[in-house]
Amino acid sequence: MPIISTFYGIIIQMYWRDHSPPHFHARYAGEQVAIDIHTLKILQGKMSRRALVLVLEWAQEHRDELMEDWELCQAMQSPKKISPLL
């Protein structure tokens, strides 16, 4: 699964040809969530509030890039790296 960004120990990934709705996966300290790109709601999993707030802030800033990467992954192409949260 390609890693598209990392920040503060959080890893953001997308699976190749994953199911809809468009989403990404975030991992931190043994926890994982799948987050809908359009609504920024958790589709599955759980994560500490502190880490989740950072993930959602980052996703809000990079929604367009996340959708571009979703389309690339659906076409089995390598996604582009996205800038980390600073």
PDB file of N, CA and C in Angstrom:
ATOM      1  N   MET A   1       0.850  -1.169   0.000  1.00  0.00           N
ATOM      2  CA  MET A   1       0.000   0.000   0.000  1.00  0.00           C
ATOM      3  C   MET A   1       0.897   1.234   0.000  1.00  0.00           C
ATOM      4  N   PRO A   2       0.731   2.109  -0.970  1.00  0.00           N
ATOM      5  CA  PRO A   2       1.590   3.296  -1.062  1.00  0.00           C
ATOM      6  C   PRO A   2       1.398   4.265   0.107  1.00  0.00           C
ATOM      7  N   ILE A   3       2.503   4.792   0.584  1.00  0.00           N
ATOM      8  CA  ILE A   3       2.483   5.843   1.601  1.00  0.00           C
ATOM      9  C   ILE A   3       2.477   7.175   0.856  1.00  0.00           C
ATOM     10  N   ILE A   4       1.490   8.027   1.165  1.00  0.00           N
ATOM     11  CA  ILE A   4       1.425   9.310   0.463  1.00  0.00           C
ATOM     12  C   ILE A   4       1.879  10.485   1.321  1.00  0.00           C
ATOM     13  N   SER A   5       1.910  10.292   2.651  1.00  0.00           N
ATOM     14  CA  SER A   5       2.406  11.354   3.525  1.00  0.00           C
ATOM     15  C   SER A   5       2.702  10.782   4.907  1.00  0.00           C
ATOM     16  N   THR A   6       3.611  11.419   5.609  1.00  0.00           N
ATOM     17  CA  THR A   6       3.892  11.090   7.006  1.00  0.00           C
ATOM     18  C   THR A   6       4.146  12.386   7.763  1.00  0.00           C
ATOM     19  N   PHE A   7       3.642  12.458   8.987  1.00  0.00           N
ATOM     20  CA  PHE A   7       3.877  13.625   9.838  1.00  0.00           C
ATOM     21  C   PHE A   7       3.561  13.251  11.281  1.00  0.00           C
ATOM     22  N   TYR A   8       4.372  13.709  12.207  1.00  0.00           N
ATOM     23  CA  TYR A   8       4.182  13.470  13.636  1.00  0.00           C
ATOM     24  C   TYR A   8       3.950  11.995  13.968  1.00  0.00           C
ATOM     25  N   GLY A   9       4.589  11.108  13.238  1.00  0.00           N
ATOM     26  CA  GLY A   9       4.444   9.675  13.467  1.00  0.00           C
ATOM     27  C   GLY A   9       3.207   9.066  12.828  1.00  0.00           C
ATOM     28  N   ILE A  10       2.422   9.873  12.138  1.00  0.00           N
ATOM     29  CA  ILE A  10       1.204   9.411  11.465  1.00  0.00           C
ATOM     30  C   ILE A  10       1.556   9.043  10.031  1.00  0.00           C
ATOM     31  N   ILE A  11       1.070   7.904   9.571  1.00  0.00           N
ATOM     32  CA  ILE A  11       1.311   7.443   8.200  1.00  0.00           C
ATOM     33  C   ILE A  11      -0.011   7.473   7.445  1.00  0.00           C
ATOM     34  N   ILE A  12      -0.015   8.135   6.289  1.00  0.00           N
ATOM     35  CA  ILE A  12      -1.199   8.223   5.441  1.00  0.00           C
ATOM     36  C   ILE A  12      -0.969   7.347   4.216  1.00  0.00           C
ATOM     37  N   GLN A  13      -1.935   6.451   3.936  1.00  0.00           N
ATOM     38  CA  GLN A  13      -1.802   5.499   2.833  1.00  0.00           C
ATOM     39  C   GLN A  13      -3.102   5.358   2.065  1.00  0.00           C
ATOM     40  N   MET A  14      -2.983   4.810   0.857  1.00  0.00           N
ATOM     41  CA  MET A  14      -4.136   4.408   0.056  1.00  0.00           C
ATOM     42  C   MET A  14      -3.841   3.040  -0.526  1.00  0.00           C
ATOM     43  N   TYR A  15      -4.895   2.221  -0.609  1.00  0.00           N
ATOM     44  CA  TYR A  15      -4.766   0.907  -1.230  1.00  0.00           C
ATOM     45  C   TYR A  15      -4.985   1.028  -2.737  1.00  0.00           C
ATOM     46  N   TRP A  16      -4.357   0.135  -3.495  1.00  0.00           N
ATOM     47  CA  TRP A  16      -4.622   0.052  -4.930  1.00  0.00           C
ATOM     48  C   TRP A  16      -6.042  -0.449  -5.123  1.00  0.00           C
ATOM     49  N   ARG A  17      -6.791   0.181  -5.981  1.00  0.00           N
ATOM     50  CA  ARG A  17      -8.137  -0.238  -6.396  1.00  0.00           C
ATOM     51  C   ARG A  17      -9.030  -0.586  -5.203  1.00  0.00           C
ATOM     52  N   ASP A  18      -9.010   0.259  -4.208  1.00  0.00           N
ATOM     53  CA  ASP A  18      -9.824   0.062  -3.011  1.00  0.00           C
ATOM     54  C   ASP A  18     -11.298   0.348  -3.325  1.00  0.00           C
ATOM     55  N   HIS A  19     -12.184  -0.095  -2.452  1.00  0.00           N
ATOM     56  CA  HIS A  19     -13.630   0.087  -2.629  1.00  0.00           C
ATOM     57  C   HIS A  19     -14.038   1.541  -2.418  1.00  0.00           C
ATOM     58  N   SER A  20     -15.191   1.914  -2.939  1.00  0.00           N
ATOM     59  CA  SER A  20     -15.755   3.245  -2.715  1.00  0.00           C
ATOM     60  C   SER A  20     -16.394   3.282  -1.336  1.00  0.00           C
ATOM     61  N   PRO A  21     -16.601   4.441  -0.771  1.00  0.00           N
ATOM     62  CA  PRO A  21     -16.343   5.780  -1.278  1.00  0.00           C
ATOM     63  C   PRO A  21     -14.852   6.102  -1.240  1.00  0.00           C
ATOM     64  N   PRO A  22     -14.444   7.144  -1.977  1.00  0.00           N
ATOM     65  CA  PRO A  22     -13.028   7.543  -1.949  1.00  0.00           C
ATOM     66  C   PRO A  22     -12.580   7.818  -0.509  1.00  0.00           C
ATOM     67  N   HIS A  23     -11.492   7.180  -0.114  1.00  0.00           N
ATOM     68  CA  HIS A  23     -11.011   7.333   1.252  1.00  0.00           C
ATOM     69  C   HIS A  23      -9.512   7.077   1.328  1.00  0.00           C
ATOM     70  N   PHE A  24      -8.957   7.375   2.496  1.00  0.00           N
ATOM     71  CA  PHE A  24      -7.549   7.089   2.763  1.00  0.00           C
ATOM     72  C   PHE A  24      -7.459   6.440   4.134  1.00  0.00           C
ATOM     73  N   HIS A  25      -6.305   5.858   4.405  1.00  0.00           N
ATOM     74  CA  HIS A  25      -6.056   5.185   5.676  1.00  0.00           C
ATOM     75  C   HIS A  25      -4.986   5.963   6.430  1.00  0.00           C
ATOM     76  N   ALA A  26      -5.194   6.126   7.725  1.00  0.00           N
ATOM     77  CA  ALA A  26      -4.204   6.770   8.590  1.00  0.00           C
ATOM     78  C   ALA A  26      -3.845   5.784   9.692  1.00  0.00           C
ATOM     79  N   ARG A  27      -2.548   5.671   9.972  1.00  0.00           N
ATOM     80  CA  ARG A  27      -2.058   4.767  11.021  1.00  0.00           C
ATOM     81  C   ARG A  27      -1.223   5.579  12.014  1.00  0.00           C
ATOM     82  N   TYR A  28      -1.425   5.249  13.281  1.00  0.00           N
ATOM     83  CA  TYR A  28      -0.647   5.900  14.330  1.00  0.00           C
ATOM     84  C   TYR A  28      -0.676   5.029  15.575  1.00  0.00           C
ATOM     85  N   ALA A  29       0.485   4.719  16.113  1.00  0.00           N
ATOM     86  CA  ALA A  29       0.634   4.004  17.386  1.00  0.00           C
ATOM     87  C   ALA A  29      -0.238   2.746  17.471  1.00  0.00           C
ATOM     88  N   GLY A  30      -0.229   1.953  16.407  1.00  0.00           N
ATOM     89  CA  GLY A  30      -0.975   0.708  16.403  1.00  0.00           C
ATOM     90  C   GLY A  30      -2.459   0.850  16.115  1.00  0.00           C
ATOM     91  N   GLU A  31      -2.928   2.060  15.897  1.00  0.00           N
ATOM     92  CA  GLU A  31      -4.330   2.299  15.570  1.00  0.00           C
ATOM     93  C   GLU A  31      -4.452   2.670  14.099  1.00  0.00           C
ATOM     94  N   GLN A  32      -5.625   2.432  13.532  1.00  0.00           N
ATOM     95  CA  GLN A  32      -5.843   2.751  12.119  1.00  0.00           C
ATOM     96  C   GLN A  32      -7.271   3.222  11.910  1.00  0.00           C
ATOM     97  N   VAL A  33      -7.434   4.202  11.024  1.00  0.00           N
ATOM     98  CA  VAL A  33      -8.763   4.647  10.607  1.00  0.00           C
ATOM     99  C   VAL A  33      -8.788   4.762   9.092  1.00  0.00           C
ATOM    100  N   ALA A  34      -9.978   4.572   8.535  1.00  0.00           N
ATOM    101  CA  ALA A  34     -10.231   4.868   7.128  1.00  0.00           C
ATOM    102  C   ALA A  34     -11.151   6.083   7.131  1.00  0.00           C
ATOM    103  N   ILE A  35     -10.783   7.120   6.354  1.00  0.00           N
ATOM    104  CA  ILE A  35     -11.522   8.377   6.374  1.00  0.00           C
ATOM    105  C   ILE A  35     -12.000   8.731   4.977  1.00  0.00           C
ATOM    106  N   ASP A  36     -13.286   9.036   4.874  1.00  0.00           N
ATOM    107  CA  ASP A  36     -13.905   9.462   3.623  1.00  0.00           C
ATOM    108  C   ASP A  36     -13.314  10.813   3.214  1.00  0.00           C
ATOM    109  N   ILE A  37     -12.863  10.920   1.990  1.00  0.00           N
ATOM    110  CA  ILE A  37     -12.226  12.155   1.519  1.00  0.00           C
ATOM    111  C   ILE A  37     -13.233  13.297   1.427  1.00  0.00           C
ATOM    112  N   HIS A  38     -14.450  13.027   1.001  1.00  0.00           N
ATOM    113  CA  HIS A  38     -15.445  14.086   0.815  1.00  0.00           C
ATOM    114  C   HIS A  38     -15.999  14.618   2.128  1.00  0.00           C
ATOM    115  N   THR A  39     -16.340  13.720   3.048  1.00  0.00           N
ATOM    116  CA  THR A  39     -17.000  14.134   4.287  1.00  0.00           C
ATOM    117  C   THR A  39     -16.047  14.256   5.470  1.00  0.00           C
ATOM    118  N   LEU A  40     -14.874  13.651   5.353  1.00  0.00           N
ATOM    119  CA  LEU A  40     -13.887  13.556   6.428  1.00  0.00           C
ATOM    120  C   LEU A  40     -14.442  12.828   7.653  1.00  0.00           C
ATOM    121  N   LYS A  41     -15.386  11.918   7.421  1.00  0.00           N
ATOM    122  CA  LYS A  41     -15.914  11.084   8.498  1.00  0.00           C
ATOM    123  C   LYS A  41     -15.173   9.754   8.527  1.00  0.00           C
ATOM    124  N   ILE A  42     -15.053   9.190   9.720  1.00  0.00           N
ATOM    125  CA  ILE A  42     -14.403   7.893   9.879  1.00  0.00           C
ATOM    126  C   ILE A  42     -15.323   6.811   9.323  1.00  0.00           C
ATOM    127  N   LEU A  43     -14.778   6.019   8.413  1.00  0.00           N
ATOM    128  CA  LEU A  43     -15.528   4.895   7.843  1.00  0.00           C
ATOM    129  C   LEU A  43     -15.353   3.640   8.687  1.00  0.00           C
ATOM    130  N   GLN A  44     -14.154   3.486   9.250  1.00  0.00           N
ATOM    131  CA  GLN A  44     -13.885   2.336  10.116  1.00  0.00           C
ATOM    132  C   GLN A  44     -12.655   2.605  10.941  1.00  0.00           C
ATOM    133  N   GLY A  45     -12.560   1.909  12.046  1.00  0.00           N
ATOM    134  CA  GLY A  45     -11.387   2.004  12.909  1.00  0.00           C
ATOM    135  C   GLY A  45     -11.530   3.073  13.975  1.00  0.00           C
ATOM    136  N   LYS A  46     -10.450   3.236  14.720  1.00  0.00           N
ATOM    137  CA  LYS A  46     -10.406   4.267  15.760  1.00  0.00           C
ATOM    138  C   LYS A  46      -8.978   4.749  15.926  1.00  0.00           C
ATOM    139  N   MET A  47      -8.867   5.947  16.471  1.00  0.00           N
ATOM    140  CA  MET A  47      -7.567   6.581  16.659  1.00  0.00           C
ATOM    141  C   MET A  47      -7.710   7.580  17.800  1.00  0.00           C
ATOM    142  N   SER A  48      -6.626   7.814  18.508  1.00  0.00           N
ATOM    143  CA  SER A  48      -6.675   8.784  19.604  1.00  0.00           C
ATOM    144  C   SER A  48      -7.148  10.138  19.072  1.00  0.00           C
ATOM    145  N   ARG A  49      -7.872  10.841  19.906  1.00  0.00           N
ATOM    146  CA  ARG A  49      -8.418  12.141  19.500  1.00  0.00           C
ATOM    147  C   ARG A  49      -7.321  13.086  19.020  1.00  0.00           C
ATOM    148  N   ARG A  50      -6.228  13.121  19.722  1.00  0.00           N
ATOM    149  CA  ARG A  50      -5.126  14.027  19.377  1.00  0.00           C
ATOM    150  C   ARG A  50      -4.600  13.749  17.972  1.00  0.00           C
ATOM    151  N   ALA A  51      -4.352  12.489  17.656  1.00  0.00           N
ATOM    152  CA  ALA A  51      -3.857  12.124  16.326  1.00  0.00           C
ATOM    153  C   ALA A  51      -4.928  12.361  15.265  1.00  0.00           C
ATOM    154  N   LEU A  52      -6.173  12.039  15.583  1.00  0.00           N
ATOM    155  CA  LEU A  52      -7.255  12.213  14.626  1.00  0.00           C
ATOM    156  C   LEU A  52      -7.440  13.681  14.247  1.00  0.00           C
ATOM    157  N   VAL A  53      -7.326  14.572  15.209  1.00  0.00           N
ATOM    158  CA  VAL A  53      -7.439  16.007  14.926  1.00  0.00           C
ATOM    159  C   VAL A  53      -6.368  16.426  13.915  1.00  0.00           C
ATOM    160  N   LEU A  54      -5.145  15.928  14.072  1.00  0.00           N
ATOM    161  CA  LEU A  54      -4.071  16.252  13.133  1.00  0.00           C
ATOM    162  C   LEU A  54      -4.363  15.694  11.742  1.00  0.00           C
ATOM    163  N   VAL A  55      -4.849  14.460  11.688  1.00  0.00           N
ATOM    164  CA  VAL A  55      -5.172  13.833  10.406  1.00  0.00           C
ATOM    165  C   VAL A  55      -6.258  14.623   9.688  1.00  0.00           C
ATOM    166  N   LEU A  56      -7.305  15.010  10.404  1.00  0.00           N
ATOM    167  CA  LEU A  56      -8.407  15.742   9.781  1.00  0.00           C
ATOM    168  C   LEU A  56      -7.989  17.139   9.336  1.00  0.00           C
ATOM    169  N   GLU A  57      -7.135  17.795  10.101  1.00  0.00           N
ATOM    170  CA  GLU A  57      -6.616  19.107   9.704  1.00  0.00           C
ATOM    171  C   GLU A  57      -5.816  18.974   8.405  1.00  0.00           C
ATOM    172  N   TRP A  58      -4.954  17.966   8.346  1.00  0.00           N
ATOM    173  CA  TRP A  58      -4.154  17.723   7.145  1.00  0.00           C
ATOM    174  C   TRP A  58      -5.058  17.414   5.948  1.00  0.00           C
ATOM    175  N   ALA A  59      -6.051  16.541   6.144  1.00  0.00           N
ATOM    176  CA  ALA A  59      -6.938  16.135   5.053  1.00  0.00           C
ATOM    177  C   ALA A  59      -7.741  17.319   4.524  1.00  0.00           C
ATOM    178  N   GLN A  60      -8.182  18.186   5.405  1.00  0.00           N
ATOM    179  CA  GLN A  60      -8.938  19.378   4.988  1.00  0.00           C
ATOM    180  C   GLN A  60      -8.101  20.231   4.037  1.00  0.00           C
ATOM    181  N   GLU A  61      -6.813  20.353   4.342  1.00  0.00           N
ATOM    182  CA  GLU A  61      -5.902  21.167   3.518  1.00  0.00           C
ATOM    183  C   GLU A  61      -5.568  20.511   2.182  1.00  0.00           C
ATOM    184  N   HIS A  62      -5.735  19.193   2.082  1.00  0.00           N
ATOM    185  CA  HIS A  62      -5.253  18.465   0.898  1.00  0.00           C
ATOM    186  C   HIS A  62      -6.328  17.627   0.210  1.00  0.00           C
ATOM    187  N   ARG A  63      -7.575  18.022   0.324  1.00  0.00           N
ATOM    188  CA  ARG A  63      -8.663  17.231  -0.275  1.00  0.00           C
ATOM    189  C   ARG A  63      -8.492  17.023  -1.775  1.00  0.00           C
ATOM    190  N   ASP A  64      -8.167  18.082  -2.504  1.00  0.00           N
ATOM    191  CA  ASP A  64      -8.017  17.949  -3.962  1.00  0.00           C
ATOM    192  C   ASP A  64      -6.904  16.965  -4.310  1.00  0.00           C
ATOM    193  N   GLU A  65      -5.790  17.060  -3.611  1.00  0.00           N
ATOM    194  CA  GLU A  65      -4.669  16.157  -3.853  1.00  0.00           C
ATOM    195  C   GLU A  65      -5.039  14.713  -3.485  1.00  0.00           C
ATOM    196  N   LEU A  66      -5.802  14.551  -2.419  1.00  0.00           N
ATOM    197  CA  LEU A  66      -6.251  13.212  -2.027  1.00  0.00           C
ATOM    198  C   LEU A  66      -7.130  12.601  -3.107  1.00  0.00           C
ATOM    199  N   MET A  67      -8.007  13.394  -3.696  1.00  0.00           N
ATOM    200  CA  MET A  67      -8.868  12.873  -4.770  1.00  0.00           C
ATOM    201  C   MET A  67      -8.026  12.510  -6.001  1.00  0.00           C
ATOM    202  N   GLU A  68      -7.029  13.317  -6.311  1.00  0.00           N
ATOM    203  CA  GLU A  68      -6.134  12.981  -7.429  1.00  0.00           C
ATOM    204  C   GLU A  68      -5.435  11.653  -7.158  1.00  0.00           C
ATOM    205  N   ASP A  69      -4.948  11.472  -5.945  1.00  0.00           N
ATOM    206  CA  ASP A  69      -4.279  10.216  -5.595  1.00  0.00           C
ATOM    207  C   ASP A  69      -5.253   9.046  -5.617  1.00  0.00           C
ATOM    208  N   TRP A  70      -6.499   9.278  -5.192  1.00  0.00           N
ATOM    209  CA  TRP A  70      -7.512   8.215  -5.250  1.00  0.00           C
ATOM    210  C   TRP A  70      -7.681   7.735  -6.685  1.00  0.00           C
ATOM    211  N   GLU A  71      -7.803   8.677  -7.612  1.00  0.00           N
ATOM    212  CA  GLU A  71      -7.978   8.328  -9.028  1.00  0.00           C
ATOM    213  C   GLU A  71      -6.759   7.566  -9.554  1.00  0.00           C
ATOM    214  N   LEU A  72      -5.576   7.992  -9.169  1.00  0.00           N
ATOM    215  CA  LEU A  72      -4.363   7.292  -9.595  1.00  0.00           C
ATOM    216  C   LEU A  72      -4.353   5.855  -9.068  1.00  0.00           C
ATOM    217  N   CYS A  73      -4.679   5.677  -7.796  1.00  0.00           N
ATOM    218  CA  CYS A  73      -4.698   4.331  -7.208  1.00  0.00           C
ATOM    219  C   CYS A  73      -5.760   3.455  -7.865  1.00  0.00           C
ATOM    220  N   GLN A  74      -6.894   4.031  -8.216  1.00  0.00           N
ATOM    221  CA  GLN A  74      -7.939   3.263  -8.895  1.00  0.00           C
ATOM    222  C   GLN A  74      -7.462   2.777 -10.261  1.00  0.00           C
ATOM    223  N   ALA A  75      -6.567   3.540 -10.880  1.00  0.00           N
ATOM    224  CA  ALA A  75      -6.011   3.178 -12.187  1.00  0.00           C
ATOM    225  C   ALA A  75      -4.715   2.373 -12.041  1.00  0.00           C
ATOM    226  N   MET A  76      -4.413   1.929 -10.801  1.00  0.00           N
ATOM    227  CA  MET A  76      -3.191   1.157 -10.506  1.00  0.00           C
ATOM    228  C   MET A  76      -1.915   1.924 -10.866  1.00  0.00           C
ATOM    229  N   GLN A  77      -1.962   3.237 -10.692  1.00  0.00           N
ATOM    230  CA  GLN A  77      -0.794   4.082 -10.910  1.00  0.00           C
ATOM    231  C   GLN A  77      -0.287   4.573  -9.553  1.00  0.00           C
ATOM    232  N   SER A  78       0.981   4.923  -9.503  1.00  0.00           N
ATOM    233  CA  SER A  78       1.564   5.388  -8.250  1.00  0.00           C
ATOM    234  C   SER A  78       1.002   6.753  -7.871  1.00  0.00           C
ATOM    235  N   PRO A  79       0.521   6.888  -6.633  1.00  0.00           N
ATOM    236  CA  PRO A  79       0.030   8.191  -6.199  1.00  0.00           C
ATOM    237  C   PRO A  79       1.183   9.150  -5.959  1.00  0.00           C
ATOM    238  N   LYS A  80       0.871  10.415  -5.963  1.00  0.00           N
ATOM    239  CA  LYS A  80       1.882  11.448  -5.697  1.00  0.00           C
ATOM    240  C   LYS A  80       1.981  11.665  -4.184  1.00  0.00           C
ATOM    241  N   LYS A  81       3.165  12.029  -3.753  1.00  0.00           N
ATOM    242  CA  LYS A  81       3.363  12.370  -2.348  1.00  0.00           C
ATOM    243  C   LYS A  81       2.641  13.678  -2.054  1.00  0.00           C
ATOM    244  N   ILE A  82       2.110  13.789  -0.860  1.00  0.00           N
ATOM    245  CA  ILE A  82       1.414  15.000  -0.419  1.00  0.00           C
ATOM    246  C   ILE A  82       2.189  15.579   0.766  1.00  0.00           C
ATOM    247  N   SER A  83       2.339  16.891   0.779  1.00  0.00           N
ATOM    248  CA  SER A  83       3.081  17.578   1.829  1.00  0.00           C
ATOM    249  C   SER A  83       2.542  17.224   3.199  1.00  0.00           C
ATOM    250  N   PRO A  84       3.434  17.072   4.169  1.00  0.00           N
ATOM    251  CA  PRO A  84       2.979  16.762   5.540  1.00  0.00           C
ATOM    252  C   PRO A  84       2.388  17.991   6.215  1.00  0.00           C
ATOM    253  N   LEU A  85       1.737  17.751   7.331  1.00  0.00           N
ATOM    254  CA  LEU A  85       1.241  18.828   8.179  1.00  0.00           C
ATOM    255  C   LEU A  85       2.441  19.425   8.894  1.00  0.00           C
ATOM    256  N   LEU A  86       2.567  20.715   8.830  1.00  0.00           N
ATOM    257  CA  LEU A  86       3.707  21.382   9.475  1.00  0.00           C
ATOM    258  C   LEU A  86       3.303  22.112  10.726  1.00  0.00           C
TER     259      LEU A  86
END
